[in-house]
Protein backbone atom coordinates (compact mmCIF):
# COMPACT_ATOMS: atom_id res chain seq x y z
CA MET A 1 113.95 87.43 111.08
CA GLN A 2 117.26 87.48 108.77
CA THR A 3 120.03 89.14 110.19
CA THR A 4 121.83 91.37 106.83
CA LYS A 5 125.13 89.63 107.31
CA GLY A 6 125.04 89.71 103.96
CA LYS A 7 125.16 91.26 100.79
CA THR A 8 122.14 93.33 100.54
CA LEU A 9 120.23 94.68 97.59
CA GLN A 10 116.47 96.49 96.74
CA GLY A 11 114.67 95.04 94.05
CA LYS A 12 111.16 95.58 92.52
CA VAL A 13 109.15 91.29 93.25
CA VAL A 14 108.10 91.02 89.60
CA SER A 15 106.22 87.31 90.15
CA ASN A 16 104.43 85.50 93.50
CA LYS A 17 103.64 82.83 91.60
CA CYS A 18 105.20 79.99 93.26
CA ASN A 19 104.55 79.47 97.20
CA LYS A 20 106.83 80.92 99.35
CA THR A 21 109.29 81.61 97.11
CA ILE A 22 109.15 85.34 94.80
CA THR A 23 111.11 86.33 92.05
CA VAL A 24 112.90 89.71 92.37
CA SER A 25 114.16 91.75 89.98
CA VAL A 26 116.83 93.96 89.71
CA THR A 27 117.85 96.73 87.97
CA LYS A 28 121.95 99.03 88.10
CA TYR A 29 123.09 100.38 85.92
CA VAL A 30 127.08 101.17 85.50
CA ILE A 31 128.97 102.86 83.05
CA HIS A 32 130.09 100.66 79.26
CA SER A 33 134.35 100.51 79.34
CA ILE A 34 134.51 101.75 76.03
CA TYR A 35 131.93 103.45 74.72
CA GLY A 36 130.79 105.80 78.46
CA LYS A 37 127.97 104.74 78.79
CA TYR A 38 125.53 103.89 81.21
CA VAL A 39 124.04 100.62 79.90
CA LYS A 40 120.91 99.02 82.45
CA LYS A 41 122.36 95.39 83.95
CA THR A 42 119.60 93.88 85.24
CA LEU A 43 119.34 91.52 88.04
CA LYS A 44 116.52 88.22 88.19
CA CYS A 45 116.77 86.35 91.86
CA TYR A 46 114.28 84.40 93.73
CA VAL A 47 113.70 84.90 96.34
CA HIS A 48 112.12 82.86 99.55
CA ASP A 49 109.38 84.07 101.22
CA GLU A 50 107.90 82.33 104.32
CA HIS A 51 104.36 84.10 104.30
CA ASN A 52 103.79 84.94 100.98
CA GLU A 53 103.83 88.98 102.01
CA CYS A 54 104.32 89.93 98.57
CA ASN A 55 102.40 90.96 95.94
CA ILE A 56 103.90 92.14 92.04
CA GLY A 57 104.97 95.39 92.00
CA ASP A 58 106.14 96.23 95.37
CA THR A 59 109.66 97.56 96.60
CA VAL A 60 111.09 94.85 98.66
CA LYS A 61 115.05 94.76 100.15
CA ILE A 62 116.39 90.97 99.97
CA VAL A 63 119.83 89.64 101.62
CA ASN A 64 122.27 87.09 100.25
CA SER A 65 122.34 83.62 102.17
CA LYS A 66 122.94 80.03 102.07
CA PRO A 67 121.17 77.76 99.86
CA ILE A 68 118.15 77.07 100.41
CA SER A 69 116.98 74.65 96.45
CA LYS A 70 118.89 75.18 93.37
CA ASN A 71 118.06 78.35 92.45
CA LYS A 72 116.71 80.34 95.66
CA HIS A 73 120.40 81.92 97.47
CA TRP A 74 118.40 85.56 98.60
CA HIS A 75 116.04 86.31 102.29
CA LEU A 76 113.40 88.27 101.89
CA VAL A 77 114.21 91.59 104.55
CA THR A 78 111.17 93.92 104.44
CA ILE A 79 108.77 95.28 102.26
CA ILE A 80 109.89 98.82 101.51
CA GLU A 81 106.61 99.72 99.03
CA LEU A 82 103.83 98.27 98.31
CA ASN A 83 101.63 98.79 95.16
């Protein structure tokens, strides 16, 4: 079990095709600096899933960690909502 020492995000699983890796889409809304409208920003994170327990559509909580591979810098903390 990982400690929640780093930055914590919540997102939705969009892919689980790789072994021990899931792809999580984190969406947040920010205000545009000039127009003042809300703009949707999406961050795609590769997350280490040790036991291959996540499925597409699950809502998960992830935490930042040391680099595991070239693109993987996140660990799975918990599955918040199952699909």
